[in-house]
Amino acid sequence: MNSTAVPRGASEPFRQLRALRRARKLKQEDVARKAGISREAYLRAESGQADPRMSTFLAACEALGLEVVLAPQHLAADVNAFIASRNGGVTAASMAGQAPAATPSAASPAPANPVSTGFASSPGEGHKPA
């Protein structure tokens, strides 16, 4: 892989941010301005043409009213279920049109490597806590 290639999966968080931005009917310019980055930088990150710095990702999340939450992989489904329970059933994944993560039960153990969006919608961003 050359130094300009985007690592596989690196743009997935920005794909989710794009879906959220579109669901909220915001333009790239709106998010970029609020995040304090150029529209071009946001466009490259959102389209997967660049692997942005973490600070760019965090600024874009903040501009969309999201908080990045780090959780152990084995607890990701529980964290998403908790967020949904406190946010009227809404998670960032469901706002982005993705199927919500299943809550593990005693009858069905959690997957070995669950995938979590890691985003929590901030109160007041169009979704009231339950």
C-alpha atoms as a PDB file:
ATOM      1  CA  MET A   1       0.000   0.000   0.000  1.00  0.00           C
ATOM      2  CA  ASN A   2       1.418   3.392  -0.882  1.00  0.00           C
ATOM      3  CA  SER A   3       1.450   6.284   1.594  1.00  0.00           C
ATOM      4  CA  THR A   4      -1.552   8.055   0.000  1.00  0.00           C
ATOM      5  CA  ALA A   5      -3.878   5.054   0.028  1.00  0.00           C
ATOM      6  CA  VAL A   6      -6.746   5.167   2.506  1.00  0.00           C
ATOM      7  CA  PRO A   7      -6.663   2.140   4.828  1.00  0.00           C
ATOM      8  CA  ARG A   8      -9.574  -0.238   4.312  1.00  0.00           C
ATOM      9  CA  GLY A   9     -12.421   0.747   6.632  1.00  0.00           C
ATOM     10  CA  ALA A  10     -10.857   4.081   7.556  1.00  0.00           C
ATOM     11  CA  SER A  11     -13.710   6.058   6.018  1.00  0.00           C
ATOM     12  CA  GLU A  12     -16.566   4.037   7.585  1.00  0.00           C
ATOM     13  CA  PRO A  13     -17.082   6.515  10.446  1.00  0.00           C
ATOM     14  CA  PHE A  14     -17.308   9.339   7.913  1.00  0.00           C
ATOM     15  CA  ARG A  15     -19.803   7.327   5.851  1.00  0.00           C
ATOM     16  CA  GLN A  16     -21.961   7.242   8.971  1.00  0.00           C
ATOM     17  CA  LEU A  17     -21.460  10.980   9.485  1.00  0.00           C
ATOM     18  CA  ARG A  18     -22.495  11.559   5.855  1.00  0.00           C
ATOM     19  CA  ALA A  19     -25.713   9.591   6.414  1.00  0.00           C
ATOM     20  CA  LEU A  20     -26.441  11.598   9.563  1.00  0.00           C
ATOM     21  CA  ARG A  21     -25.674  14.874   7.799  1.00  0.00           C
ATOM     22  CA  ARG A  22     -28.008  13.978   4.963  1.00  0.00           C
ATOM     23  CA  ALA A  23     -30.744  12.830   7.356  1.00  0.00           C
ATOM     24  CA  ARG A  24     -30.539  16.229   9.033  1.00  0.00           C
ATOM     25  CA  LYS A  25     -30.604  17.932   5.606  1.00  0.00           C
ATOM     26  CA  LEU A  26     -27.295  19.692   6.210  1.00  0.00           C
ATOM     27  CA  LYS A  27     -24.780  20.604   3.526  1.00  0.00           C
ATOM     28  CA  GLN A  28     -21.121  19.669   3.721  1.00  0.00           C
ATOM     29  CA  GLU A  29     -20.374  23.383   3.979  1.00  0.00           C
ATOM     30  CA  ASP A  30     -22.577  23.636   7.077  1.00  0.00           C
ATOM     31  CA  VAL A  31     -20.788  20.835   8.914  1.00  0.00           C
ATOM     32  CA  ALA A  32     -17.324  21.928   7.784  1.00  0.00           C
ATOM     33  CA  ARG A  33     -17.919  25.542   8.870  1.00  0.00           C
ATOM     34  CA  LYS A  34     -19.260  24.481  12.273  1.00  0.00           C
ATOM     35  CA  ALA A  35     -16.322  22.053  12.677  1.00  0.00           C
ATOM     36  CA  GLY A  36     -13.802  24.733  11.713  1.00  0.00           C
ATOM     37  CA  ILE A  37     -12.402  22.808   8.748  1.00  0.00           C
ATOM     38  CA  SER A  38     -12.490  23.460   5.013  1.00  0.00           C
ATOM     39  CA  ARG A  39     -15.306  22.036   2.911  1.00  0.00           C
ATOM     40  CA  GLU A  40     -12.670  20.329   0.755  1.00  0.00           C
ATOM     41  CA  ALA A  41     -11.131  18.582   3.761  1.00  0.00           C
ATOM     42  CA  TYR A  42     -14.567  17.466   4.919  1.00  0.00           C
ATOM     43  CA  LEU A  43     -15.487  16.280   1.398  1.00  0.00           C
ATOM     44  CA  ARG A  44     -12.289  14.204   1.112  1.00  0.00           C
ATOM     45  CA  ALA A  45     -12.871  12.638   4.538  1.00  0.00           C
ATOM     46  CA  GLU A  46     -16.560  11.943   3.927  1.00  0.00           C
ATOM     47  CA  SER A  47     -15.918  10.401   0.491  1.00  0.00           C
ATOM     48  CA  GLY A  48     -13.038   8.240   1.721  1.00  0.00           C
ATOM     49  CA  GLN A  49     -10.469  10.050  -0.427  1.00  0.00           C
ATOM     50  CA  ALA A  50      -8.441  10.917   2.666  1.00  0.00           C
ATOM     51  CA  ASP A  51      -7.750   9.455   6.072  1.00  0.00           C
ATOM     52  CA  PRO A  52      -8.277  12.521   8.274  1.00  0.00           C
ATOM     53  CA  ARG A  53      -6.705  13.197  11.625  1.00  0.00           C
ATOM     54  CA  MET A  54      -8.631  12.247  14.727  1.00  0.00           C
ATOM     55  CA  SER A  55      -9.085  15.941  15.513  1.00  0.00           C
ATOM     56  CA  THR A  56     -10.947  16.395  12.195  1.00  0.00           C
ATOM     57  CA  PHE A  57     -13.206  13.456  12.977  1.00  0.00           C
ATOM     58  CA  LEU A  58     -13.932  14.730  16.485  1.00  0.00           C
ATOM     59  CA  ALA A  59     -14.670  18.250  15.189  1.00  0.00           C
ATOM     60  CA  ALA A  60     -17.096  16.829  12.588  1.00  0.00           C
ATOM     61  CA  CYS A  61     -18.802  14.747  15.288  1.00  0.00           C
ATOM     62  CA  GLU A  62     -19.157  17.776  17.533  1.00  0.00           C
ATOM     63  CA  ALA A  63     -20.559  19.812  14.626  1.00  0.00           C
ATOM     64  CA  LEU A  64     -23.248  17.137  14.190  1.00  0.00           C
ATOM     65  CA  GLY A  65     -24.014  17.044  17.916  1.00  0.00           C
ATOM     66  CA  LEU A  66     -22.367  13.680  18.499  1.00  0.00           C
ATOM     67  CA  GLU A  67     -20.111  12.488  21.278  1.00  0.00           C
ATOM     68  CA  VAL A  68     -17.557   9.773  20.523  1.00  0.00           C
ATOM     69  CA  VAL A  69     -17.770   6.980  23.078  1.00  0.00           C
ATOM     70  CA  LEU A  70     -15.064   4.350  23.440  1.00  0.00           C
ATOM     71  CA  ALA A  71     -16.209   1.027  24.811  1.00  0.00           C
ATOM     72  CA  PRO A  72     -14.718  -2.450  25.072  1.00  0.00           C
ATOM     73  CA  GLN A  73     -15.817  -4.503  22.056  1.00  0.00           C
ATOM     74  CA  HIS A  74     -17.544  -7.074  24.222  1.00  0.00           C
ATOM     75  CA  LEU A  75     -19.752  -4.297  25.688  1.00  0.00           C
ATOM     76  CA  ALA A  76     -20.521  -2.450  22.423  1.00  0.00           C
ATOM     77  CA  ALA A  77     -23.998  -3.969  22.013  1.00  0.00           C
ATOM     78  CA  ASP A  78     -24.861  -3.126  25.640  1.00  0.00           C
ATOM     79  CA  VAL A  79     -23.629   0.467  25.216  1.00  0.00           C
ATOM     80  CA  ASN A  80     -25.689   0.917  22.036  1.00  0.00           C
ATOM     81  CA  ALA A  81     -28.745  -0.586  23.741  1.00  0.00           C
ATOM     82  CA  PHE A  82     -28.297   1.807  26.673  1.00  0.00           C
ATOM     83  CA  ILE A  83     -27.998   4.809  24.336  1.00  0.00           C
ATOM     84  CA  ALA A  84     -31.139   3.705  22.498  1.00  0.00           C
ATOM     85  CA  SER A  85     -33.029   3.214  25.777  1.00  0.00           C
ATOM     86  CA  ARG A  86     -32.177   6.776  26.848  1.00  0.00           C
ATOM     87  CA  ASN A  87     -32.756   8.317  23.424  1.00  0.00           C
ATOM     88  CA  GLY A  88     -36.158   7.036  22.361  1.00  0.00           C
ATOM     89  CA  GLY A  89     -34.707   4.006  20.602  1.00  0.00           C
ATOM     90  CA  VAL A  90     -32.387   6.131  18.473  1.00  0.00           C
ATOM     91  CA  THR A  91     -28.672   5.510  18.021  1.00  0.00           C
ATOM     92  CA  ALA A  92     -26.305   7.044  15.506  1.00  0.00           C
ATOM     93  CA  ALA A  93     -26.416   3.773  13.561  1.00  0.00           C
ATOM     94  CA  SER A  94     -30.207   3.860  13.317  1.00  0.00           C
ATOM     95  CA  MET A  95     -30.135   7.542  12.295  1.00  0.00           C
ATOM     96  CA  ALA A  96     -27.672   6.553   9.564  1.00  0.00           C
ATOM     97  CA  GLY A  97     -30.090   3.880   8.335  1.00  0.00           C
ATOM     98  CA  GLN A  98     -28.168   0.909   9.708  1.00  0.00           C
ATOM     99  CA  ALA A  99     -29.758  -1.930  11.612  1.00  0.00           C
ATOM    100  CA  PRO A 100     -29.369  -1.471  15.373  1.00  0.00           C
ATOM    101  CA  ALA A 101     -27.006  -3.811  17.164  1.00  0.00           C
ATOM    102  CA  ALA A 102     -28.796  -6.680  18.848  1.00  0.00           C
ATOM    103  CA  THR A 103     -28.685  -6.726  22.599  1.00  0.00           C
ATOM    104  CA  PRO A 104     -26.973  -9.903  23.773  1.00  0.00           C
ATOM    105  CA  SER A 105     -28.956 -12.237  25.989  1.00  0.00           C
ATOM    106  CA  ALA A 106     -28.148 -15.355  27.958  1.00  0.00           C
ATOM    107  CA  ALA A 107     -29.663 -17.466  25.152  1.00  0.00           C
ATOM    108  CA  SER A 108     -27.569 -15.817  22.418  1.00  0.00           C
ATOM    109  CA  PRO A 109     -24.036 -14.840  23.389  1.00  0.00           C
ATOM    110  CA  ALA A 110     -22.509 -11.646  22.016  1.00  0.00           C
ATOM    111  CA  PRO A 111     -20.547 -11.962  18.783  1.00  0.00           C
ATOM    112  CA  ALA A 112     -16.817 -12.414  19.186  1.00  0.00           C
ATOM    113  CA  ASN A 113     -16.068  -9.069  17.534  1.00  0.00           C
ATOM    114  CA  PRO A 114     -19.131  -6.798  17.576  1.00  0.00           C
ATOM    115  CA  VAL A 115     -19.007  -3.546  15.646  1.00  0.00           C
ATOM    116  CA  SER A 116     -20.116  -0.384  17.414  1.00  0.00           C
ATOM    117  CA  THR A 117     -20.790   3.004  15.907  1.00  0.00           C
ATOM    118  CA  GLY A 118     -19.353   4.587  19.028  1.00  0.00           C
ATOM    119  CA  PHE A 119     -21.484   7.707  18.619  1.00  0.00           C
ATOM    120  CA  ALA A 120     -24.027   9.097  21.011  1.00  0.00           C
ATOM    121  CA  SER A 121     -26.395  11.803  19.903  1.00  0.00           C
ATOM    122  CA  SER A 122     -26.270  14.816  22.154  1.00  0.00           C
ATOM    123  CA  PRO A 123     -29.515  15.916  23.823  1.00  0.00           C
ATOM    124  CA  GLY A 124     -31.241  18.678  21.934  1.00  0.00           C
ATOM    125  CA  GLU A 125     -30.087  17.484  18.537  1.00  0.00           C
ATOM    126  CA  GLY A 126     -33.570  16.563  17.362  1.00  0.00           C
ATOM    127  CA  HIS A 127     -34.047  13.588  19.649  1.00  0.00           C
ATOM    128  CA  LYS A 128     -35.417  13.824  23.163  1.00  0.00           C
ATOM    129  CA  PRO A 129     -34.222  11.379  25.824  1.00  0.00           C
ATOM    130  CA  ALA A 130     -36.889   8.931  26.892  1.00  0.00           C
END
